[in-house]
Amino acid sequence: MRITDIILKKRNGLKLSKEEIDFAVLGFATGKIPDYQFAALLMSIYFKGLDRDETVELTKAMVNSGDVIDLSAIKGVKVDKHSTGGVGDKTTLILGPLVAAAGIKVPKLSGRGLGHTGGTIDKLEAISGFSVDMSQEQFFKNVNEIGLAIGGQTKELVPADKKIYALRDVTCTVDNISLIAGSVMSKKIASGADKIVLDVKVGDGAFMSTTEDAFQLGKVMVDIGEGVGRETVAVITDMNQPLGHAVGNAIEVVEAIATLKGNGPKDLHDLCMELGSQMLLVSGLYSAKSEAQACLEKLIKSGAAFAKFRAFIQAQGGNVEQVDDIFKLPQPEFSSEVVSPAEGYVHKIGARNIGLASVVLGAGRETKESKIDLSAGIYLNKKVGDSVKKGESLARVFTNNKEKTGPAKEMILTSYVILPGKPLLNPLVYGTVSAKGINKEVLLKC
């Protein structure tokens, strides 16, 4: 078998076999196939596409390039949740303990932030002492005893994906739905969970800019999950404005704690109810969404969800005094208001630009080597649909570097569109995708 024949076959729009895909992916992962030849294959895939079978086999090949985690030592059904990335998205901090409090096991591997989207691990590390570095035995023990553990992704997990993504990034072949879906699902499958719930973001702050593309991506990822025997559900959700009010690290931990206590912003609470219900449904704990949502609401009201979060943080070395008293979390030296230049209603908040402004303040990484200011961030006082007066605060910025406040505030101002008259609100949830098909019923409004 020769890589040139495989490139030519796909360039001509023909279907690749399992053996050809395995040969190409594993050959590239081990260095037997050079970058320039695999780049040619990626470009052929970009223009000619992959069908369902090819996409499933591509994902399997990436999974088989490294370690696959065996979670059989964890008792019960294991459910994972993955977001395709957004601004202010702290749902994992809420859903992990909330679903674990319902009795479902949530073993999760998460990443760090890069670019305009934040990383779950960075947010959790705003709590001093918290660590994702633990042995596999400790990871399993935490999940069995607490119901939840969050670890970091290792170099041994899906090495082919890391190498392929780096090449896609420099060959303009990132935005192909099969390649995106394969990259996401290879990591989820290798992580070992029995069931997978996907939060597919769409809008200004997401990778998918249209609902049509988001539903298509969701369908391909569900097809992959079902193709390898993992029940998978995708929820298509809005990212045309940041989720909740807080964007940063410590500031998002504060908002997550408030939500677990029943005091969080409505959009964040409602989205967690939707995603959490889907996690309980795929686990088989409930068959009706209304029952699943009632269970989650009860766990928040009773304090069980927050208690589970506290136990999870303590088990991974975090200082629970900072969980009990949020003012002990990292505090910024400087803060400043962003005031409205006009009167009217907020019609739009550019999520991507808000995310980039948080990076300028120090809350995110411009490069992999950048050091994060855990106290930096943005609190949005006004969201889409809110009325605002001239001179009223739109947002407040936080940082330890005063020189960064000016540029960040300018970026935030350009993110807001204020016009007369109330705007129409986007859906918060556009629909779902499962093995049963696509449901484009709008479930919630922002």
Protein backbone atom coordinates (compact mmCIF):
# COMPACT_ATOMS: atom_id res chain seq x y z
CA MET A 1 0.00 0.00 0.00
CA ARG A 2 1.32 3.45 -0.93
CA ILE A 3 0.28 6.85 0.44
CA THR A 4 0.44 8.37 -3.06
CA ASP A 5 -2.25 5.95 -4.24
CA ILE A 6 -4.45 6.91 -1.29
CA ILE A 7 -3.98 10.63 -1.98
CA LEU A 8 -4.85 10.12 -5.65
CA LYS A 9 -7.92 8.04 -4.79
CA LYS A 10 -9.35 10.70 -2.49
CA ARG A 11 -8.35 13.50 -4.86
CA ASN A 12 -10.52 11.79 -7.46
CA GLY A 13 -13.44 11.70 -5.03
CA LEU A 14 -13.42 7.95 -4.34
CA LYS A 15 -14.20 6.30 -1.02
CA LEU A 16 -11.25 5.19 1.12
CA SER A 17 -11.27 1.78 2.80
CA LYS A 18 -10.69 1.15 6.50
CA GLU A 19 -7.27 -0.30 5.66
CA GLU A 20 -6.26 2.77 3.63
CA ILE A 21 -7.34 5.17 6.37
CA ASP A 22 -5.51 3.14 9.04
CA PHE A 23 -2.38 3.06 6.89
CA ALA A 24 -2.40 6.83 6.35
CA VAL A 25 -3.25 7.91 9.92
CA LEU A 26 -0.98 5.50 11.76
CA GLY A 27 1.78 6.02 9.22
CA PHE A 28 1.68 9.77 9.77
CA ALA A 29 1.44 9.39 13.56
CA THR A 30 4.59 7.23 13.64
CA GLY A 31 6.55 9.41 11.25
CA LYS A 32 6.57 6.94 8.35
CA ILE A 33 4.54 9.31 6.18
CA PRO A 34 5.97 12.86 5.85
CA ASP A 35 4.07 16.08 6.49
CA TYR A 36 3.91 17.10 2.84
CA GLN A 37 2.17 13.89 1.77
CA PHE A 38 -0.33 13.89 4.64
CA ALA A 39 -1.01 17.58 3.94
CA ALA A 40 -1.91 16.59 0.37
CA LEU A 41 -4.32 13.97 1.74
CA LEU A 42 -5.89 16.53 4.09
CA MET A 43 -6.43 18.95 1.22
CA SER A 44 -8.03 16.16 -0.84
CA ILE A 45 -10.32 15.36 2.09
CA TYR A 46 -11.11 19.06 2.51
CA PHE A 47 -12.35 19.39 -1.07
CA LYS A 48 -13.80 15.91 -1.70
CA GLY A 49 -15.09 15.13 1.78
CA LEU A 50 -15.53 11.92 3.76
CA ASP A 51 -18.75 9.94 4.03
CA ARG A 52 -20.13 8.54 7.30
CA ASP A 53 -18.14 5.28 7.13
CA GLU A 54 -14.89 7.07 6.29
CA THR A 55 -15.38 9.57 9.11
CA VAL A 56 -16.00 6.78 11.64
CA GLU A 57 -12.92 4.88 10.45
CA LEU A 58 -10.79 8.04 10.57
CA THR A 59 -11.87 8.57 14.17
CA LYS A 60 -11.16 4.95 15.10
CA ALA A 61 -7.69 5.17 13.55
CA MET A 62 -6.90 8.27 15.62
CA VAL A 63 -8.20 6.57 18.77
CA ASN A 64 -6.04 3.52 18.09
CA SER A 65 -2.91 5.65 17.66
CA GLY A 66 -2.50 5.87 21.44
CA ASP A 67 -3.86 4.80 24.81
CA VAL A 68 -7.55 4.05 25.30
CA ILE A 69 -8.69 4.47 28.89
CA ASP A 70 -10.49 1.46 30.36
CA LEU A 71 -13.08 2.72 32.84
CA SER A 72 -14.40 -0.73 33.80
CA ALA A 73 -12.99 -0.21 37.32
CA ILE A 74 -15.57 2.56 37.80
CA LYS A 75 -18.95 1.22 38.86
CA GLY A 76 -22.11 2.29 37.06
CA VAL A 77 -22.82 4.22 33.87
CA LYS A 78 -20.12 6.72 32.89
CA VAL A 79 -21.30 9.90 31.14
CA ASP A 80 -19.09 12.58 29.58
CA LYS A 81 -19.98 16.08 28.39
CA HIS A 82 -18.04 18.09 25.83
CA SER A 83 -18.43 21.66 24.59
CA THR A 84 -17.07 22.76 21.23
CA GLY A 85 -15.88 25.97 22.91
CA GLY A 86 -17.31 29.33 23.80
CA VAL A 87 -16.93 32.48 25.88
CA GLY A 88 -17.99 32.39 29.51
CA ASP A 89 -18.70 28.66 29.21
CA LYS A 90 -18.28 27.32 32.73
CA THR A 91 -20.91 24.57 32.38
CA THR A 92 -18.50 21.74 33.23
CA LEU A 93 -17.89 23.29 36.67
CA ILE A 94 -21.63 23.10 37.29
CA LEU A 95 -22.70 19.97 35.42
CA GLY A 96 -19.97 17.70 36.80
CA PRO A 97 -21.01 17.98 40.46
CA LEU A 98 -24.70 18.42 39.65
CA VAL A 99 -24.95 15.19 37.64
CA ALA A 100 -22.67 13.36 40.08
CA ALA A 101 -25.03 14.39 42.89
CA ALA A 102 -27.79 12.59 40.97
CA GLY A 103 -25.76 9.37 41.21
CA ILE A 104 -24.20 9.33 37.72
CA LYS A 105 -20.46 8.81 37.30
CA VAL A 106 -18.68 11.68 35.49
CA PRO A 107 -15.04 10.85 34.63
CA LYS A 108 -13.79 13.79 32.58
CA LEU A 109 -10.61 14.85 30.83
CA SER A 110 -10.45 18.58 30.10
CA GLY A 111 -8.06 21.04 28.49
CA ARG A 112 -6.67 24.51 28.90
CA GLY A 113 -7.73 27.64 27.07
CA LEU A 114 -6.05 29.05 23.98
CA GLY A 115 -7.33 32.00 21.98
CA HIS A 116 -10.70 33.54 22.80
CA THR A 117 -12.14 30.49 24.59
CA GLY A 118 -11.34 29.61 28.19
CA GLY A 119 -10.21 26.25 29.53
CA THR A 120 -11.89 24.27 32.32
CA ILE A 121 -8.59 23.41 34.00
CA ASP A 122 -7.44 27.04 34.05
CA LYS A 123 -10.69 28.04 35.75
CA LEU A 124 -10.42 25.32 38.38
CA GLU A 125 -6.80 26.21 39.07
CA ALA A 126 -7.99 29.61 40.28
CA ILE A 127 -8.70 27.60 43.44
CA SER A 128 -5.29 27.27 45.11
CA GLY A 129 -3.97 23.73 45.36
CA PHE A 130 -6.40 22.26 42.85
CA SER A 131 -4.61 19.81 40.58
CA VAL A 132 -5.51 17.53 37.70
CA ASP A 133 -2.25 15.61 38.15
CA MET A 134 -3.19 12.27 39.71
CA SER A 135 -2.59 8.59 39.10
CA GLN A 136 -5.16 6.58 37.19
CA GLU A 137 -5.92 4.71 40.40
CA GLN A 138 -6.66 7.96 42.23
CA PHE A 139 -8.79 9.18 39.31
CA PHE A 140 -10.87 6.00 39.46
CA LYS A 141 -11.10 6.18 43.26
CA ASN A 142 -12.41 9.76 43.14
CA VAL A 143 -15.06 8.88 40.57
CA ASN A 144 -16.17 5.80 42.50
CA GLU A 145 -16.37 7.63 45.83
CA ILE A 146 -17.44 11.15 44.78
CA GLY A 147 -18.91 10.51 41.35
CA LEU A 148 -16.66 13.04 39.62
CA ALA A 149 -13.02 13.61 38.71
CA ILE A 150 -11.45 15.95 36.17
CA GLY A 151 -8.04 15.12 34.77
CA GLY A 152 -5.80 16.59 32.09
CA GLN A 153 -5.36 15.09 28.65
CA THR A 154 -2.10 13.15 28.34
CA LYS A 155 0.35 12.95 25.45
CA GLU A 156 -0.45 9.25 25.12
CA LEU A 157 -4.13 9.93 24.41
CA VAL A 158 -4.87 10.20 20.66
CA PRO A 159 -1.38 11.36 19.56
CA ALA A 160 -2.45 11.16 15.91
CA ASP A 161 -5.08 13.84 16.49
CA LYS A 162 -2.55 16.23 18.03
CA LYS A 163 -0.19 15.78 15.08
CA ILE A 164 -2.95 15.99 12.46
CA TYR A 165 -4.51 19.08 14.05
CA ALA A 166 -1.16 20.89 14.08
CA LEU A 167 -0.83 20.17 10.34
CA ARG A 168 -4.44 21.22 9.64
CA ASP A 169 -3.76 24.49 11.42
CA VAL A 170 -0.99 25.45 9.00
CA THR A 171 -2.55 24.06 5.81
CA CYS A 172 -5.97 25.81 5.98
CA THR A 173 -7.82 22.52 6.42
CA VAL A 174 -9.26 23.12 9.90
CA ASP A 175 -12.85 23.91 8.95
CA ASN A 176 -13.90 20.57 7.49
CA ILE A 177 -16.79 19.02 9.42
CA SER A 178 -15.54 15.43 9.20
CA LEU A 179 -12.08 16.45 10.42
CA ILE A 180 -13.52 18.59 13.21
CA ALA A 181 -15.89 15.81 14.32
CA GLY A 182 -13.17 13.17 14.17
CA SER A 183 -10.83 15.30 16.26
CA VAL A 184 -13.44 15.93 18.99
CA MET A 185 -14.86 12.42 19.09
CA SER A 186 -11.50 10.62 19.03
CA LYS A 187 -10.65 12.20 22.39
CA LYS A 188 -14.10 11.47 23.84
CA ILE A 189 -14.01 7.83 22.72
CA ALA A 190 -10.43 7.30 23.94
CA SER A 191 -11.48 8.76 27.31
CA GLY A 192 -13.69 5.72 27.81
CA ALA A 193 -17.14 7.05 28.78
CA ASP A 194 -20.20 4.92 27.97
CA LYS A 195 -22.42 7.87 26.98
CA ILE A 196 -21.56 11.28 25.51
CA VAL A 197 -23.47 14.57 25.53
CA LEU A 198 -22.15 17.25 23.20
CA ASP A 199 -22.74 20.99 23.54
CA VAL A 200 -22.29 22.26 19.97
CA LYS A 201 -21.96 26.04 20.06
CA VAL A 202 -23.08 28.25 17.18
CA GLY A 203 -22.64 31.97 16.60
CA ASP A 204 -20.13 34.79 16.82
CA GLY A 205 -18.08 33.24 19.64
CA ALA A 206 -18.17 29.67 18.28
CA PHE A 207 -16.39 27.73 15.56
CA MET A 208 -19.69 27.07 13.76
CA SER A 209 -21.15 30.35 12.55
CA THR A 210 -24.49 29.07 11.21
CA THR A 211 -27.10 26.76 12.73
CA GLU A 212 -27.07 24.66 9.56
CA ASP A 213 -23.36 23.93 10.01
CA ALA A 214 -23.83 23.31 13.74
CA PHE A 215 -26.57 20.75 13.14
CA GLN A 216 -24.44 19.10 10.47
CA LEU A 217 -21.47 18.91 12.84
CA GLY A 218 -23.70 17.54 15.57
CA LYS A 219 -25.05 14.85 13.26
CA VAL A 220 -21.58 13.75 12.15
CA MET A 221 -20.38 13.53 15.77
CA VAL A 222 -23.47 11.58 16.79
CA ASP A 223 -22.93 9.23 13.82
CA ILE A 224 -19.35 8.65 14.98
CA GLY A 225 -20.39 7.98 18.57
CA GLU A 226 -23.14 5.60 17.55
CA GLY A 227 -20.78 4.00 15.01
CA VAL A 228 -18.44 2.90 17.82
CA GLY A 229 -21.20 1.86 20.19
CA ARG A 230 -21.40 5.00 22.36
CA GLU A 231 -24.83 6.55 22.76
CA THR A 232 -24.35 10.21 21.83
CA VAL A 233 -26.59 13.27 21.91
CA ALA A 234 -25.70 16.73 20.58
CA VAL A 235 -27.40 19.89 21.84
CA ILE A 236 -27.07 22.91 19.53
CA THR A 237 -26.69 26.04 21.68
CA ASP A 238 -26.22 29.76 21.14
CA MET A 239 -22.89 31.57 21.42
CA ASN A 240 -23.80 34.94 19.89
CA GLN A 241 -23.13 36.50 23.27
CA PRO A 242 -21.09 35.21 26.25
CA LEU A 243 -22.78 32.66 28.49
CA GLY A 244 -23.69 34.14 31.84
CA HIS A 245 -22.11 37.41 32.98
CA ALA A 246 -18.57 36.35 33.95
CA VAL A 247 -15.64 35.82 31.57
CA GLY A 248 -12.29 34.84 33.06
CA ASN A 249 -11.08 32.27 35.57
CA ALA A 250 -11.68 33.06 39.25
CA ILE A 251 -14.65 35.19 38.22
CA GLU A 252 -16.21 32.22 36.40
CA VAL A 253 -15.65 29.98 39.43
CA VAL A 254 -17.65 32.53 41.46
CA GLU A 255 -20.50 32.41 38.93
CA ALA A 256 -20.43 28.61 38.83
CA ILE A 257 -20.70 28.46 42.64
CA ALA A 258 -23.62 30.92 42.53
CA THR A 259 -25.37 28.72 39.95
CA LEU A 260 -24.84 25.57 42.03
CA LYS A 261 -26.48 27.43 44.92
CA GLY A 262 -29.43 28.50 42.78
CA ASN A 263 -28.36 32.13 42.36
CA GLY A 264 -26.74 32.05 38.92
CA PRO A 265 -27.76 33.93 35.76
CA LYS A 266 -30.82 32.55 34.00
CA ASP A 267 -29.17 31.64 30.69
CA LEU A 268 -26.41 29.67 32.43
CA HIS A 269 -28.87 27.93 34.76
CA ASP A 270 -31.26 27.04 31.93
CA LEU A 271 -28.50 25.67 29.71
CA CYS A 272 -27.17 23.51 32.56
CA MET A 273 -30.69 22.19 33.11
CA GLU A 274 -30.91 21.22 29.43
CA LEU A 275 -27.46 19.61 29.21
CA GLY A 276 -27.76 17.98 32.63
CA SER A 277 -31.14 16.52 31.73
CA GLN A 278 -29.66 15.03 28.58
CA MET A 279 -26.89 13.46 30.68
CA LEU A 280 -29.44 11.88 33.02
CA LEU A 281 -31.54 10.68 30.07
CA VAL A 282 -28.66 8.95 28.25
CA SER A 283 -27.61 7.37 31.55
CA GLY A 284 -31.01 5.69 31.78
CA LEU A 285 -31.75 7.20 35.18
CA TYR A 286 -34.85 8.92 33.77
CA SER A 287 -36.92 8.49 30.63
CA ALA A 288 -38.69 11.86 30.73
CA LYS A 289 -36.88 15.19 30.53
CA SER A 290 -39.31 16.84 32.93
CA GLU A 291 -38.41 14.28 35.61
CA ALA A 292 -34.68 14.74 34.97
CA GLN A 293 -34.98 18.53 35.26
CA ALA A 294 -37.00 18.23 38.47
CA CYS A 295 -34.26 16.05 39.92
CA LEU A 296 -31.55 18.58 39.05
CA GLU A 297 -33.54 21.51 40.44
CA LYS A 298 -34.05 19.57 43.69
CA LEU A 299 -30.31 18.86 43.99
CA ILE A 300 -29.54 22.56 43.68
CA LYS A 301 -32.26 23.62 46.11
CA SER A 302 -31.23 21.05 48.72
CA GLY A 303 -27.56 22.08 48.61
CA ALA A 304 -26.47 18.62 47.43
CA ALA A 305 -25.01 19.98 44.16
CA PHE A 306 -22.81 22.53 45.93
CA ALA A 307 -21.77 19.94 48.53
CA LYS A 308 -20.65 17.66 45.68
CA PHE A 309 -18.64 20.49 44.11
CA ARG A 310 -16.95 21.13 47.47
CA ALA A 311 -16.09 17.43 47.89
CA PHE A 312 -14.72 17.26 44.33
CA ILE A 313 -12.48 20.30 44.85
CA GLN A 314 -11.18 18.95 48.17
CA ALA A 315 -10.44 15.52 46.67
CA GLN A 316 -8.22 17.12 44.05
CA GLY A 317 -6.26 19.23 46.53
CA GLY A 318 -8.21 22.47 46.21
CA ASN A 319 -8.55 24.92 49.08
CA VAL A 320 -12.22 24.59 50.09
CA GLU A 321 -11.98 27.77 52.16
CA GLN A 322 -11.99 29.61 48.82
CA VAL A 323 -15.11 27.69 47.80
CA ASP A 324 -16.84 28.61 51.05
CA ASP A 325 -15.66 32.23 50.92
CA ILE A 326 -15.33 33.46 47.33
CA PHE A 327 -13.50 36.62 48.47
CA LYS A 328 -10.52 34.38 49.23
CA LEU A 329 -10.18 33.56 45.53
CA PRO A 330 -7.55 35.54 43.54
CA GLN A 331 -8.45 39.24 43.61
CA PRO A 332 -7.33 41.79 40.96
CA GLU A 333 -5.43 44.93 41.81
CA PHE A 334 -7.32 47.09 39.29
CA SER A 335 -10.90 47.32 38.04
CA SER A 336 -12.64 49.79 35.76
CA GLU A 337 -16.12 50.41 34.36
CA VAL A 338 -17.02 50.33 30.66
CA VAL A 339 -19.81 52.90 30.26
CA SER A 340 -22.43 53.11 27.56
CA PRO A 341 -22.01 55.83 24.91
CA ALA A 342 -25.73 55.80 24.12
CA GLU A 343 -29.21 55.08 25.41
CA GLY A 344 -31.31 52.22 24.11
CA TYR A 345 -31.31 48.44 24.22
CA VAL A 346 -28.44 45.99 23.82
CA HIS A 347 -28.99 44.29 20.46
CA LYS A 348 -25.70 42.43 20.22
CA ILE A 349 -22.58 41.56 22.21
CA GLY A 350 -19.78 40.16 20.06
CA ALA A 351 -18.79 37.07 22.04
CA ARG A 352 -15.50 36.48 20.24
CA ASN A 353 -14.36 40.07 20.85
CA ILE A 354 -15.28 39.81 24.54
CA GLY A 355 -13.22 36.64 24.77
CA LEU A 356 -10.26 38.36 23.10
CA ALA A 357 -10.63 41.33 25.46
CA SER A 358 -10.35 38.95 28.40
CA VAL A 359 -7.13 37.62 26.89
CA VAL A 360 -5.77 41.17 26.66
CA LEU A 361 -6.54 41.60 30.37
CA GLY A 362 -4.50 38.48 31.10
CA ALA A 363 -7.29 35.92 31.60
CA GLY A 364 -6.27 33.85 28.57
CA ARG A 365 -3.27 32.78 26.54
CA GLU A 366 -2.03 34.45 23.40
CA THR A 367 0.50 31.60 23.06
CA LYS A 368 0.83 28.23 24.80
CA GLU A 369 3.61 29.71 26.93
CA SER A 370 1.59 32.71 28.16
CA LYS A 371 1.08 32.96 31.92
CA ILE A 372 -2.52 33.50 33.01
CA ASP A 373 -3.67 36.16 35.48
CA LEU A 374 -6.27 34.09 37.36
CA SER A 375 -7.94 37.20 38.80
CA ALA A 376 -8.36 38.94 35.43
CA GLY A 377 -11.66 38.98 33.62
CA ILE A 378 -14.83 40.78 32.60
CA TYR A 379 -18.23 41.03 34.25
CA LEU A 380 -21.02 41.95 31.84
CA ASN A 381 -23.58 44.13 33.59
CA LYS A 382 -25.76 44.28 30.48
CA LYS A 383 -26.80 41.39 28.23
CA VAL A 384 -28.75 41.31 24.96
CA GLY A 385 -32.28 42.65 25.50
CA ASP A 386 -31.38 44.81 28.50
CA SER A 387 -32.16 48.52 28.47
CA VAL A 388 -29.26 50.90 29.07
CA LYS A 389 -28.87 54.61 29.72
CA LYS A 390 -26.04 56.77 28.43
CA GLY A 391 -23.18 56.67 30.94
CA GLU A 392 -24.51 53.50 32.60
CA SER A 393 -22.09 50.61 33.15
CA LEU A 394 -22.07 47.96 30.42
CA ALA A 395 -19.30 45.92 31.98
CA ARG A 396 -16.47 45.97 34.50
CA VAL A 397 -12.94 44.81 33.73
CA PHE A 398 -10.48 43.27 36.20
CA THR A 399 -6.71 42.88 35.90
CA ASN A 400 -3.38 43.17 37.70
CA ASN A 401 -1.94 45.23 34.87
CA LYS A 402 -3.53 48.69 34.70
CA GLU A 403 -2.10 49.40 31.24
CA LYS A 404 -4.26 46.61 29.82
CA THR A 405 -7.57 48.15 30.89
CA GLY A 406 -7.69 50.79 28.12
CA PRO A 407 -7.29 48.45 25.11
CA ALA A 408 -9.64 45.88 26.66
CA LYS A 409 -12.33 48.47 27.33
CA GLU A 410 -12.15 49.68 23.72
CA MET A 411 -12.64 46.10 22.52
CA ILE A 412 -15.64 45.65 24.81
CA LEU A 413 -17.22 48.90 23.59
CA THR A 414 -16.94 47.76 19.98
CA SER A 415 -18.58 44.45 20.98
CA TYR A 416 -21.79 46.15 22.13
CA VAL A 417 -24.45 47.26 19.65
CA ILE A 418 -26.99 49.60 21.31
CA LEU A 419 -30.06 50.66 19.34
CA PRO A 420 -33.54 52.05 20.04
CA GLY A 421 -36.29 49.49 20.56
CA LYS A 422 -36.20 46.01 22.06
CA PRO A 423 -34.39 43.35 19.99
CA LEU A 424 -35.61 39.86 19.14
CA LEU A 425 -33.83 37.34 21.33
CA ASN A 426 -31.93 34.40 19.87
CA PRO A 427 -32.81 30.89 21.03
CA LEU A 428 -30.54 29.58 23.79
CA VAL A 429 -31.03 26.04 22.50
CA TYR A 430 -31.75 25.52 18.79
CA GLY A 431 -32.47 21.81 19.01
CA THR A 432 -30.89 18.39 19.46
CA VAL A 433 -29.37 15.60 17.40
CA SER A 434 -29.51 11.95 18.43
CA ALA A 435 -29.61 8.50 16.84
CA LYS A 436 -33.34 9.13 16.37
CA GLY A 437 -32.62 12.12 14.12
CA ILE A 438 -32.52 15.91 14.14
CA ASN A 439 -34.97 17.89 16.25
CA LYS A 440 -34.94 21.59 15.39
CA GLU A 441 -37.46 22.57 18.02
CA VAL A 442 -36.34 25.77 19.77
CA LEU A 443 -36.27 24.82 23.42
CA LEU A 444 -35.17 27.95 25.27
CA LYS A 445 -34.73 31.66 24.62
CA CYS A 446 -31.69 33.67 25.73
